[in-house]
Amino acid sequence: MKNSYRIGRKKAFTLWLSKKIIVYQSYRKEIGNFTVKNQYFGGAFSLERMTWIKPNFLWMMFRNGWGTKEGQESVLAIHLKMDAFKNYLKNAVYSSYNEKLGISREEWQNQVKESSVRLQWDPDHDPFGNKLERRAIQIGLRNDFIKSFSKEDLLFIEDISDFVKEQNQFVLNDDLDNLVLLEEKPLLFDDEGLNKKLRLK
């Protein structure tokens, strides 16, 4: 599998390179097969619903049960343009209100209505699905953002379903020393305003 590293018990956050980032999604096989074959999202994939992308591999594995949940058997690693990913974040509105946002609830509600990008921080998980103190981000896209994500924001899409099945066997056998995960590093932008918005500092 491209870009994979043996890291055993090493903690991870998000894979990033200077010009791209890898995010994950799971679908039923019909959508996954079309997407990998054509290298864009189409066919049975809906452009009318919000889609959530997840840059953290183990959070995705918790969400899809290591590819065993019905309708999530096709696990995709989506190589995105970093500029597009940053644009999502710059336009994102938190999916739930918090006083730390520095605005009133009414202002936040207005932003939610106008925005086509959502973001939220959820507990990250270890390979067994246990919650960790570390947080993992997920980003919801709709309208023009899901349209650009489905085609022009993409660099490459690979089906990692078989890889996921193989790694799940190590988890089931409590053999983390042989577990292979994508190398993931903390992501910090050169845009201080964006870092502050994401509460990365």
N, C-alpha and C. Protein backbone atom coordinates (compact mmCIF):
# COMPACT_ATOMS: atom_id res chain seq x y z
N MET A 1 0.84 -1.20 0.00
CA MET A 1 0.00 0.00 0.00
C MET A 1 0.87 1.24 0.00
N LYS A 2 0.56 2.20 -0.83
CA LYS A 2 1.34 3.42 -0.92
C LYS A 2 1.28 4.20 0.38
N ASN A 3 2.42 4.82 0.74
CA ASN A 3 2.50 5.73 1.88
C ASN A 3 2.25 5.06 3.22
N SER A 4 2.45 3.75 3.32
CA SER A 4 2.23 3.09 4.60
C SER A 4 3.56 2.85 5.30
N TYR A 5 3.53 2.90 6.62
CA TYR A 5 4.72 2.73 7.43
C TYR A 5 4.38 1.84 8.62
N ARG A 6 5.34 1.03 9.03
CA ARG A 6 5.13 0.20 10.22
C ARG A 6 5.48 1.04 11.44
N ILE A 7 4.47 1.36 12.25
CA ILE A 7 4.74 2.23 13.38
C ILE A 7 4.32 1.60 14.71
N GLY A 8 3.81 0.35 14.69
CA GLY A 8 3.48 -0.33 15.92
C GLY A 8 2.57 0.49 16.81
N ARG A 9 3.02 0.77 18.03
CA ARG A 9 2.18 1.46 19.01
C ARG A 9 2.32 2.98 18.96
N LYS A 10 3.03 3.50 18.01
CA LYS A 10 3.26 4.93 17.92
C LYS A 10 1.95 5.70 17.77
N LYS A 11 1.80 6.77 18.50
CA LYS A 11 0.60 7.59 18.39
C LYS A 11 0.63 8.39 17.10
N ALA A 12 -0.57 8.74 16.62
CA ALA A 12 -0.64 9.41 15.34
C ALA A 12 -1.77 10.43 15.36
N PHE A 13 -1.72 11.37 14.41
CA PHE A 13 -2.77 12.38 14.35
C PHE A 13 -3.30 12.55 12.95
N THR A 14 -2.53 13.11 12.04
CA THR A 14 -3.02 13.26 10.67
C THR A 14 -1.86 13.25 9.69
N LEU A 15 -2.03 12.53 8.59
CA LEU A 15 -0.99 12.46 7.57
C LEU A 15 -1.04 13.71 6.72
N TRP A 16 0.11 14.34 6.53
CA TRP A 16 0.13 15.50 5.65
C TRP A 16 1.48 15.61 4.97
N LEU A 17 1.45 16.11 3.78
CA LEU A 17 2.64 16.46 3.03
C LEU A 17 2.47 17.90 2.59
N SER A 18 3.47 18.47 1.94
CA SER A 18 3.41 19.90 1.64
C SER A 18 2.28 20.24 0.67
N LYS A 19 1.94 19.33 -0.22
CA LYS A 19 0.95 19.66 -1.24
C LYS A 19 -0.28 18.76 -1.23
N LYS A 20 -0.32 17.81 -0.31
CA LYS A 20 -1.49 16.95 -0.28
C LYS A 20 -1.74 16.44 1.13
N ILE A 21 -2.94 15.92 1.34
CA ILE A 21 -3.31 15.28 2.59
C ILE A 21 -4.19 14.09 2.25
N ILE A 22 -4.10 13.03 3.04
CA ILE A 22 -4.92 11.85 2.82
C ILE A 22 -6.06 11.85 3.82
N VAL A 23 -7.28 11.70 3.31
CA VAL A 23 -8.46 11.57 4.15
C VAL A 23 -9.15 10.26 3.81
N TYR A 24 -10.09 9.85 4.67
CA TYR A 24 -10.70 8.53 4.51
C TYR A 24 -12.22 8.62 4.48
N GLN A 25 -12.82 7.72 3.71
CA GLN A 25 -14.26 7.54 3.70
C GLN A 25 -14.57 6.07 3.45
N SER A 26 -15.76 5.65 3.89
CA SER A 26 -16.21 4.28 3.64
C SER A 26 -17.58 4.31 2.98
N TYR A 27 -17.78 3.43 2.02
CA TYR A 27 -19.02 3.38 1.26
C TYR A 27 -19.41 1.93 0.97
N ARG A 28 -20.60 1.78 0.43
CA ARG A 28 -20.95 0.46 -0.08
C ARG A 28 -20.13 0.23 -1.35
N LYS A 29 -19.98 -1.02 -1.70
CA LYS A 29 -19.05 -1.39 -2.77
C LYS A 29 -19.40 -0.73 -4.11
N GLU A 30 -20.68 -0.53 -4.37
CA GLU A 30 -21.09 0.09 -5.63
C GLU A 30 -20.43 1.45 -5.81
N ILE A 31 -20.44 2.25 -4.75
CA ILE A 31 -19.84 3.59 -4.83
C ILE A 31 -18.32 3.49 -4.85
N GLY A 32 -17.76 2.64 -3.99
CA GLY A 32 -16.32 2.51 -3.93
C GLY A 32 -15.72 2.05 -5.25
N ASN A 33 -16.33 1.05 -5.88
CA ASN A 33 -15.80 0.54 -7.15
C ASN A 33 -15.84 1.60 -8.25
N PHE A 34 -16.94 2.34 -8.33
CA PHE A 34 -17.06 3.40 -9.33
C PHE A 34 -15.99 4.45 -9.11
N THR A 35 -15.83 4.84 -7.86
CA THR A 35 -14.92 5.94 -7.54
C THR A 35 -13.47 5.58 -7.86
N VAL A 36 -13.05 4.39 -7.50
CA VAL A 36 -11.68 3.98 -7.77
C VAL A 36 -11.45 3.81 -9.27
N LYS A 37 -12.40 3.23 -9.95
CA LYS A 37 -12.26 3.01 -11.40
C LYS A 37 -12.17 4.31 -12.17
N ASN A 38 -13.02 5.28 -11.79
CA ASN A 38 -13.09 6.53 -12.55
C ASN A 38 -12.28 7.67 -11.95
N GLN A 39 -11.80 7.48 -10.72
CA GLN A 39 -10.99 8.48 -10.02
C GLN A 39 -11.74 9.80 -9.80
N TYR A 40 -13.03 9.68 -9.58
CA TYR A 40 -13.83 10.81 -9.10
C TYR A 40 -15.10 10.23 -8.49
N PHE A 41 -15.81 11.06 -7.73
CA PHE A 41 -17.05 10.62 -7.10
C PHE A 41 -18.23 10.89 -8.02
N GLY A 42 -18.93 9.82 -8.38
CA GLY A 42 -20.07 9.93 -9.27
C GLY A 42 -20.93 8.69 -9.12
N GLY A 43 -21.71 8.39 -10.16
CA GLY A 43 -22.55 7.21 -10.10
C GLY A 43 -23.57 7.34 -8.98
N ALA A 44 -23.55 6.39 -8.05
CA ALA A 44 -24.52 6.37 -6.95
C ALA A 44 -24.15 7.34 -5.82
N PHE A 45 -23.00 7.98 -5.91
CA PHE A 45 -22.60 8.96 -4.89
C PHE A 45 -23.48 10.20 -4.99
N SER A 46 -24.03 10.63 -3.86
CA SER A 46 -24.95 11.76 -3.85
C SER A 46 -24.21 13.08 -3.65
N LEU A 47 -24.45 14.02 -4.55
CA LEU A 47 -23.92 15.37 -4.40
C LEU A 47 -24.89 16.26 -3.64
N GLU A 48 -26.02 15.72 -3.24
CA GLU A 48 -27.05 16.49 -2.56
C GLU A 48 -26.96 16.36 -1.03
N ARG A 49 -26.22 15.39 -0.55
CA ARG A 49 -26.09 15.17 0.89
C ARG A 49 -24.71 15.63 1.35
N MET A 50 -24.63 16.04 2.62
CA MET A 50 -23.32 16.39 3.18
C MET A 50 -22.50 15.13 3.34
N THR A 51 -21.23 15.20 2.93
CA THR A 51 -20.32 14.07 3.10
C THR A 51 -19.24 14.48 4.08
N TRP A 52 -18.83 13.55 4.96
CA TRP A 52 -17.85 13.83 6.00
C TRP A 52 -16.54 13.13 5.68
N ILE A 53 -15.46 13.89 5.65
CA ILE A 53 -14.14 13.33 5.42
C ILE A 53 -13.36 13.33 6.73
N LYS A 54 -12.50 12.32 6.89
CA LYS A 54 -11.79 12.12 8.15
C LYS A 54 -10.30 11.90 7.86
N PRO A 55 -9.43 12.79 8.33
CA PRO A 55 -8.00 12.63 8.08
C PRO A 55 -7.32 11.64 9.01
N ASN A 56 -8.03 11.08 9.96
CA ASN A 56 -7.43 10.20 10.93
C ASN A 56 -7.85 8.75 10.68
N PHE A 57 -6.88 7.89 10.41
CA PHE A 57 -7.16 6.52 10.01
C PHE A 57 -7.89 5.74 11.10
N LEU A 58 -7.43 5.81 12.33
CA LEU A 58 -8.05 5.01 13.39
C LEU A 58 -9.44 5.51 13.76
N TRP A 59 -9.68 6.81 13.59
CA TRP A 59 -11.04 7.31 13.81
C TRP A 59 -11.97 6.69 12.76
N MET A 60 -11.48 6.61 11.52
CA MET A 60 -12.29 6.00 10.46
C MET A 60 -12.52 4.53 10.75
N MET A 61 -11.51 3.84 11.27
CA MET A 61 -11.66 2.42 11.58
C MET A 61 -12.67 2.21 12.71
N PHE A 62 -12.70 3.14 13.66
CA PHE A 62 -13.72 3.06 14.71
C PHE A 62 -15.10 3.26 14.10
N ARG A 63 -15.20 4.22 13.20
CA ARG A 63 -16.50 4.56 12.60
C ARG A 63 -17.04 3.43 11.73
N ASN A 64 -16.18 2.77 10.97
CA ASN A 64 -16.67 1.75 10.04
C ASN A 64 -16.42 0.32 10.52
N GLY A 65 -15.95 0.17 11.77
CA GLY A 65 -15.70 -1.17 12.30
C GLY A 65 -14.67 -1.93 11.50
N TRP A 66 -13.58 -1.22 11.12
CA TRP A 66 -12.56 -1.83 10.28
C TRP A 66 -13.17 -2.42 9.00
N GLY A 67 -14.10 -1.66 8.42
CA GLY A 67 -14.69 -2.05 7.14
C GLY A 67 -15.69 -3.19 7.22
N THR A 68 -16.17 -3.50 8.43
CA THR A 68 -17.10 -4.62 8.58
C THR A 68 -18.56 -4.18 8.68
N LYS A 69 -18.81 -2.88 8.87
CA LYS A 69 -20.20 -2.43 9.00
C LYS A 69 -20.88 -2.43 7.63
N GLU A 70 -22.16 -2.75 7.63
CA GLU A 70 -22.91 -2.81 6.40
C GLU A 70 -22.93 -1.45 5.71
N GLY A 71 -22.65 -1.45 4.41
CA GLY A 71 -22.62 -0.22 3.64
C GLY A 71 -21.33 0.56 3.76
N GLN A 72 -20.36 0.02 4.52
CA GLN A 72 -19.07 0.69 4.68
C GLN A 72 -17.91 -0.25 4.39
N GLU A 73 -18.16 -1.23 3.56
CA GLU A 73 -17.16 -2.25 3.27
C GLU A 73 -16.04 -1.74 2.36
N SER A 74 -16.34 -0.73 1.57
CA SER A 74 -15.35 -0.19 0.64
C SER A 74 -14.67 1.01 1.31
N VAL A 75 -13.42 0.82 1.71
CA VAL A 75 -12.68 1.86 2.43
C VAL A 75 -11.72 2.54 1.46
N LEU A 76 -11.83 3.86 1.37
CA LEU A 76 -11.04 4.62 0.41
C LEU A 76 -10.07 5.55 1.10
N ALA A 77 -8.85 5.60 0.58
CA ALA A 77 -7.87 6.62 0.97
C ALA A 77 -7.86 7.66 -0.14
N ILE A 78 -8.24 8.86 0.20
CA ILE A 78 -8.44 9.91 -0.79
C ILE A 78 -7.31 10.94 -0.66
N HIS A 79 -6.51 11.05 -1.71
CA HIS A 79 -5.40 12.00 -1.72
C HIS A 79 -5.93 13.34 -2.23
N LEU A 80 -5.95 14.32 -1.34
CA LEU A 80 -6.53 15.63 -1.65
C LEU A 80 -5.45 16.68 -1.80
N LYS A 81 -5.74 17.68 -2.61
CA LYS A 81 -4.86 18.85 -2.68
C LYS A 81 -4.90 19.57 -1.34
N MET A 82 -3.72 19.90 -0.82
CA MET A 82 -3.67 20.57 0.47
C MET A 82 -4.36 21.93 0.43
N ASP A 83 -4.22 22.64 -0.67
CA ASP A 83 -4.87 23.95 -0.79
C ASP A 83 -6.38 23.83 -0.67
N ALA A 84 -6.93 22.76 -1.24
CA ALA A 84 -8.38 22.54 -1.15
C ALA A 84 -8.78 22.23 0.28
N PHE A 85 -7.99 21.40 0.96
CA PHE A 85 -8.27 21.04 2.34
C PHE A 85 -8.24 22.28 3.23
N LYS A 86 -7.25 23.13 3.04
CA LYS A 86 -7.16 24.37 3.83
C LYS A 86 -8.36 25.28 3.54
N ASN A 87 -8.81 25.27 2.30
CA ASN A 87 -9.96 26.09 1.93
C ASN A 87 -11.23 25.60 2.63
N TYR A 88 -11.36 24.28 2.76
CA TYR A 88 -12.49 23.73 3.52
C TYR A 88 -12.48 24.29 4.94
N LEU A 89 -11.31 24.22 5.56
CA LEU A 89 -11.20 24.63 6.96
C LEU A 89 -11.45 26.12 7.14
N LYS A 90 -10.96 26.90 6.21
CA LYS A 90 -11.15 28.35 6.32
C LYS A 90 -12.63 28.72 6.23
N ASN A 91 -13.38 27.94 5.50
CA ASN A 91 -14.80 28.22 5.32
C ASN A 91 -15.70 27.44 6.27
N ALA A 92 -15.09 26.67 7.15
CA ALA A 92 -15.87 25.78 8.02
C ALA A 92 -16.45 26.52 9.22
N VAL A 93 -17.59 26.03 9.67
CA VAL A 93 -18.24 26.50 10.89
C VAL A 93 -18.38 25.30 11.82
N TYR A 94 -18.11 25.51 13.09
CA TYR A 94 -18.23 24.41 14.05
C TYR A 94 -19.66 23.89 14.07
N SER A 95 -19.79 22.57 14.17
CA SER A 95 -21.11 21.94 14.09
C SER A 95 -21.91 22.10 15.38
N SER A 96 -21.26 22.49 16.47
CA SER A 96 -21.97 22.74 17.72
C SER A 96 -21.46 24.03 18.35
N TYR A 97 -22.32 24.66 19.10
CA TYR A 97 -21.97 25.97 19.68
C TYR A 97 -21.15 25.81 20.95
N ASN A 98 -20.19 26.71 21.10
CA ASN A 98 -19.37 26.76 22.30
C ASN A 98 -19.00 28.22 22.54
N GLU A 99 -19.03 28.65 23.79
CA GLU A 99 -18.71 30.04 24.10
C GLU A 99 -17.30 30.42 23.69
N LYS A 100 -16.41 29.43 23.56
CA LYS A 100 -15.04 29.69 23.13
C LYS A 100 -14.97 30.22 21.70
N LEU A 101 -16.07 30.10 20.96
CA LEU A 101 -16.09 30.61 19.60
C LEU A 101 -16.00 32.13 19.58
N GLY A 102 -16.35 32.76 20.69
CA GLY A 102 -16.25 34.21 20.78
C GLY A 102 -17.38 34.96 20.11
N ILE A 103 -18.46 34.27 19.78
CA ILE A 103 -19.62 34.90 19.17
C ILE A 103 -20.87 34.41 19.90
N SER A 104 -21.97 35.10 19.66
CA SER A 104 -23.22 34.69 20.30
C SER A 104 -23.78 33.45 19.62
N ARG A 105 -24.68 32.77 20.30
CA ARG A 105 -25.33 31.61 19.71
C ARG A 105 -26.08 31.98 18.44
N GLU A 106 -26.70 33.16 18.44
CA GLU A 106 -27.44 33.61 17.26
C GLU A 106 -26.51 33.83 16.08
N GLU A 107 -25.34 34.45 16.34
CA GLU A 107 -24.36 34.64 15.27
C GLU A 107 -23.89 33.30 14.73
N TRP A 108 -23.65 32.35 15.64
CA TRP A 108 -23.22 31.02 15.20
C TRP A 108 -24.31 30.35 14.36
N GLN A 109 -25.55 30.46 14.76
CA GLN A 109 -26.65 29.86 14.01
C GLN A 109 -26.74 30.44 12.61
N ASN A 110 -26.51 31.74 12.49
CA ASN A 110 -26.51 32.38 11.17
C ASN A 110 -25.36 31.87 10.31
N GLN A 111 -24.21 31.68 10.92
CA GLN A 111 -23.06 31.17 10.19
C GLN A 111 -23.33 29.74 9.70
N VAL A 112 -23.95 28.94 10.54
CA VAL A 112 -24.28 27.56 10.15
C VAL A 112 -25.20 27.54 8.95
N LYS A 113 -26.19 28.43 8.93
CA LYS A 113 -27.14 28.48 7.83
C LYS A 113 -26.45 28.85 6.51
N GLU A 114 -25.46 29.73 6.62
CA GLU A 114 -24.80 30.24 5.40
C GLU A 114 -23.65 29.36 4.92
N SER A 115 -23.06 28.60 5.84
CA SER A 115 -21.87 27.84 5.49
C SER A 115 -22.21 26.49 4.86
N SER A 116 -21.31 26.04 3.98
CA SER A 116 -21.45 24.72 3.37
C SER A 116 -20.37 23.76 3.87
N VAL A 117 -19.67 24.17 4.92
CA VAL A 117 -18.63 23.31 5.50
C VAL A 117 -18.80 23.29 7.02
N ARG A 118 -18.79 22.09 7.59
CA ARG A 118 -18.86 21.91 9.04
C ARG A 118 -17.56 21.28 9.53
N LEU A 119 -17.22 21.57 10.76
CA LEU A 119 -16.10 20.86 11.36
C LEU A 119 -16.43 20.52 12.80
N GLN A 120 -15.87 19.42 13.26
CA GLN A 120 -16.03 19.06 14.66
C GLN A 120 -14.86 18.20 15.09
N TRP A 121 -14.52 18.33 16.36
CA TRP A 121 -13.48 17.53 16.98
C TRP A 121 -14.14 16.44 17.80
N ASP A 122 -13.75 15.20 17.54
CA ASP A 122 -14.29 14.06 18.26
C ASP A 122 -13.16 13.32 18.96
N PRO A 123 -13.47 12.51 19.97
CA PRO A 123 -12.40 11.71 20.58
C PRO A 123 -11.77 10.78 19.55
N ASP A 124 -10.46 10.77 19.53
CA ASP A 124 -9.76 9.79 18.71
C ASP A 124 -9.88 8.43 19.41
N HIS A 125 -9.52 7.37 18.71
CA HIS A 125 -9.65 6.03 19.28
C HIS A 125 -8.39 5.22 19.02
N ASP A 126 -8.14 4.27 19.90
CA ASP A 126 -7.03 3.36 19.67
C ASP A 126 -7.49 2.25 18.73
N PRO A 127 -6.61 1.34 18.33
CA PRO A 127 -7.02 0.30 17.37
C PRO A 127 -8.19 -0.56 17.83
N PHE A 128 -8.42 -0.64 19.14
CA PHE A 128 -9.51 -1.46 19.66
C PHE A 128 -10.82 -0.68 19.79
N GLY A 129 -10.78 0.60 19.45
CA GLY A 129 -12.00 1.41 19.50
C GLY A 129 -12.19 2.15 20.80
N ASN A 130 -11.21 2.11 21.69
CA ASN A 130 -11.32 2.83 22.96
C ASN A 130 -11.03 4.32 22.74
N LYS A 131 -11.78 5.17 23.43
CA LYS A 131 -11.59 6.61 23.29
C LYS A 131 -10.26 7.05 23.89
N LEU A 132 -9.65 8.03 23.21
CA LEU A 132 -8.40 8.62 23.68
C LEU A 132 -8.63 10.09 24.04
N GLU A 133 -7.72 10.63 24.79
CA GLU A 133 -7.81 12.05 25.13
C GLU A 133 -7.59 12.92 23.90
N ARG A 134 -6.72 12.45 23.00
CA ARG A 134 -6.44 13.18 21.76
C ARG A 134 -7.72 13.31 20.94
N ARG A 135 -7.86 14.41 20.22
CA ARG A 135 -9.04 14.65 19.41
C ARG A 135 -8.74 14.45 17.93
N ALA A 136 -9.75 14.04 17.19
CA ALA A 136 -9.65 13.83 15.75
C ALA A 136 -10.69 14.70 15.05
N ILE A 137 -10.29 15.34 13.99
CA ILE A 137 -11.20 16.25 13.29
C ILE A 137 -11.94 15.52 12.18
N GLN A 138 -13.17 15.92 11.92
CA GLN A 138 -13.87 15.50 10.72
C GLN A 138 -14.55 16.73 10.12
N ILE A 139 -14.66 16.71 8.80
CA ILE A 139 -15.12 17.89 8.06
C ILE A 139 -16.27 17.48 7.16
N GLY A 140 -17.38 18.20 7.26
CA GLY A 140 -18.55 17.94 6.44
C GLY A 140 -18.64 18.92 5.28
N LEU A 141 -18.91 18.40 4.08
CA LEU A 141 -18.96 19.23 2.87
C LEU A 141 -20.31 19.09 2.19
N ARG A 142 -20.80 20.20 1.65
CA ARG A 142 -22.02 20.15 0.86
C ARG A 142 -21.98 21.26 -0.20
N ASN A 143 -23.01 21.29 -1.05
CA ASN A 143 -23.16 22.31 -2.08
C ASN A 143 -21.92 22.41 -2.97
N ASP A 144 -21.39 23.61 -3.20
CA ASP A 144 -20.25 23.77 -4.11
C ASP A 144 -19.01 23.04 -3.61
N PHE A 145 -18.88 22.91 -2.29
CA PHE A 145 -17.68 22.27 -1.75
C PHE A 145 -17.68 20.77 -2.03
N ILE A 146 -18.82 20.12 -1.95
CA ILE A 146 -18.85 18.69 -2.26
C ILE A 146 -18.65 18.47 -3.77
N LYS A 147 -19.09 19.43 -4.57
CA LYS A 147 -18.88 19.31 -6.02
C LYS A 147 -17.40 19.42 -6.37
N SER A 148 -16.70 20.36 -5.76
CA SER A 148 -15.27 20.48 -6.04
C SER A 148 -14.50 19.31 -5.44
N PHE A 149 -14.91 18.86 -4.26
CA PHE A 149 -14.27 17.70 -3.65
C PHE A 149 -14.41 16.47 -4.54
N SER A 150 -15.54 16.31 -5.17
CA SER A 150 -15.82 15.08 -5.92
C SER A 150 -14.95 14.94 -7.17
N LYS A 151 -14.36 16.06 -7.65
CA LYS A 151 -13.55 15.96 -8.87
C LYS A 151 -12.25 16.76 -8.82
N GLU A 152 -12.35 18.09 -8.89
CA GLU A 152 -11.13 18.88 -9.09
C GLU A 152 -10.20 18.95 -7.89
N ASP A 153 -10.70 18.67 -6.70
CA ASP A 153 -9.83 18.71 -5.52
C ASP A 153 -9.04 17.43 -5.33
N LEU A 154 -9.34 16.41 -6.11
CA LEU A 154 -8.74 15.08 -5.94
C LEU A 154 -7.42 14.95 -6.68
N LEU A 155 -6.50 14.21 -6.08
CA LEU A 155 -5.26 13.84 -6.75
C LEU A 155 -5.24 12.35 -7.09
N PHE A 156 -5.75 11.54 -6.17
CA PHE A 156 -5.72 10.09 -6.38
C PHE A 156 -6.63 9.44 -5.35
N ILE A 157 -7.30 8.38 -5.75
CA ILE A 157 -8.17 7.62 -4.85
C ILE A 157 -7.76 6.16 -4.90
N GLU A 158 -7.51 5.57 -3.73
CA GLU A 158 -7.16 4.16 -3.72
C GLU A 158 -8.07 3.38 -2.78
N ASP A 159 -8.35 2.17 -3.18
CA ASP A 159 -9.17 1.25 -2.39
C ASP A 159 -8.24 0.53 -1.42
N ILE A 160 -8.43 0.78 -0.13
CA ILE A 160 -7.57 0.14 0.88
C ILE A 160 -8.34 -0.92 1.67
N SER A 161 -9.44 -1.40 1.12
CA SER A 161 -10.29 -2.35 1.82
C SER A 161 -9.55 -3.62 2.22
N ASP A 162 -8.76 -4.19 1.30
CA ASP A 162 -8.02 -5.41 1.62
C ASP A 162 -6.98 -5.15 2.70
N PHE A 163 -6.30 -4.02 2.60
CA PHE A 163 -5.32 -3.63 3.60
C PHE A 163 -5.98 -3.53 4.98
N VAL A 164 -7.16 -2.91 5.03
CA VAL A 164 -7.89 -2.76 6.29
C VAL A 164 -8.23 -4.12 6.88
N LYS A 165 -8.69 -5.05 6.04
CA LYS A 165 -9.03 -6.39 6.52
C LYS A 165 -7.81 -7.08 7.12
N GLU A 166 -6.66 -6.95 6.45
CA GLU A 166 -5.43 -7.56 6.94
C GLU A 166 -5.06 -7.00 8.31
N GLN A 167 -5.13 -5.67 8.44
CA GLN A 167 -4.74 -5.04 9.70
C GLN A 167 -5.72 -5.37 10.82
N ASN A 168 -6.98 -5.54 10.45
CA ASN A 168 -7.98 -5.88 11.46
C ASN A 168 -7.67 -7.22 12.12
N GLN A 169 -7.08 -8.12 11.38
CA GLN A 169 -6.72 -9.42 11.95
C GLN A 169 -5.67 -9.26 13.05
N PHE A 170 -4.73 -8.33 12.87
CA PHE A 170 -3.74 -8.08 13.91
C PHE A 170 -4.41 -7.51 15.16
N VAL A 171 -5.40 -6.64 14.94
CA VAL A 171 -6.13 -6.06 16.07
C VAL A 171 -6.90 -7.14 16.81
N LEU A 172 -7.59 -7.97 16.05
CA LEU A 172 -8.38 -9.04 16.66
C LEU A 172 -7.51 -10.02 17.44
N ASN A 173 -6.25 -10.18 16.99
CA ASN A 173 -5.33 -11.10 17.66
C ASN A 173 -4.46 -10.39 18.70
N ASP A 174 -4.77 -9.11 18.96
CA ASP A 174 -4.02 -8.31 19.93
C ASP A 174 -2.53 -8.30 19.59
N ASP A 175 -2.23 -8.16 18.31
CA ASP A 175 -0.84 -8.19 17.82
C ASP A 175 -0.50 -6.83 17.23
N LEU A 176 -0.41 -5.81 18.08
CA LEU A 176 -0.17 -4.46 17.59
C LEU A 176 1.26 -4.25 17.09
N ASP A 177 2.17 -5.11 17.49
CA ASP A 177 3.54 -4.97 17.01
C ASP A 177 3.63 -5.19 15.51
N ASN A 178 2.69 -5.92 14.94
CA ASN A 178 2.69 -6.16 13.50
C ASN A 178 1.66 -5.30 12.76
N LEU A 179 0.94 -4.46 13.50
CA LEU A 179 -0.06 -3.59 12.88
C LEU A 179 0.63 -2.51 12.06
N VAL A 180 0.19 -2.32 10.84
CA VAL A 180 0.74 -1.30 9.95
C VAL A 180 -0.28 -0.19 9.79
N LEU A 181 0.13 1.04 10.09
CA LEU A 181 -0.74 2.20 9.93
C LEU A 181 -0.04 3.23 9.06
N LEU A 182 -0.83 4.11 8.47
CA LEU A 182 -0.23 5.24 7.77
C LEU A 182 0.50 6.11 8.78
N GLU A 183 1.65 6.61 8.40
CA GLU A 183 2.36 7.54 9.27
C GLU A 183 1.56 8.83 9.35
N GLU A 184 1.28 9.28 10.54
CA GLU A 184 0.49 10.49 10.74
C GLU A 184 1.24 11.45 11.65
N LYS A 185 1.19 12.72 11.30
CA LYS A 185 1.90 13.74 12.05
C LYS A 185 0.94 14.86 12.42
N PRO A 186 1.23 15.58 13.51
CA PRO A 186 0.41 16.74 13.85
C PRO A 186 0.45 17.77 12.71
N LEU A 187 -0.70 18.29 12.39
CA LEU A 187 -0.80 19.24 11.28
C LEU A 187 -0.93 20.65 11.83
N LEU A 188 0.01 21.51 11.48
CA LEU A 188 0.00 22.90 11.90
C LEU A 188 0.23 23.75 10.66
N PHE A 189 -0.63 24.75 10.46
CA PHE A 189 -0.56 25.58 9.26
C PHE A 189 0.33 26.80 9.48
N ASP A 190 0.76 27.39 8.37
CA ASP A 190 1.52 28.64 8.47
C ASP A 190 0.59 29.85 8.57
N ASP A 191 -0.69 29.59 8.63
CA ASP A 191 -1.72 30.62 8.80
C ASP A 191 -2.14 30.63 10.27
N GLU A 192 -1.67 31.62 11.01
CA GLU A 192 -1.94 31.66 12.45
C GLU A 192 -3.43 31.81 12.75
N GLY A 193 -4.13 32.55 11.88
CA GLY A 193 -5.56 32.71 12.07
C GLY A 193 -6.29 31.39 11.97
N LEU A 194 -5.87 30.55 11.03
CA LEU A 194 -6.49 29.24 10.85
C LEU A 194 -6.15 28.33 12.04
N ASN A 195 -4.89 28.37 12.49
CA ASN A 195 -4.51 27.57 13.66
C ASN A 195 -5.34 27.94 14.88
N LYS A 196 -5.56 29.24 15.04
CA LYS A 196 -6.35 29.71 16.18
C LYS A 196 -7.79 29.24 16.06
N LYS A 197 -8.34 29.34 14.86
CA LYS A 197 -9.71 28.90 14.62
C LYS A 197 -9.89 27.43 14.96
N LEU A 198 -8.89 26.63 14.61
CA LEU A 198 -8.95 25.19 14.83
C LEU A 198 -8.50 24.80 16.24
N ARG A 199 -8.06 25.80 17.01
CA ARG A 199 -7.57 25.57 18.39
C ARG A 199 -6.40 24.61 18.41
N LEU A 200 -5.48 24.82 17.45
CA LEU A 200 -4.31 23.98 17.37
C LEU A 200 -3.18 24.51 18.24
N LYS A 201 -3.35 25.71 18.75
CA LYS A 201 -2.33 26.32 19.62
C LYS A 201 -2.96 26.82 20.89
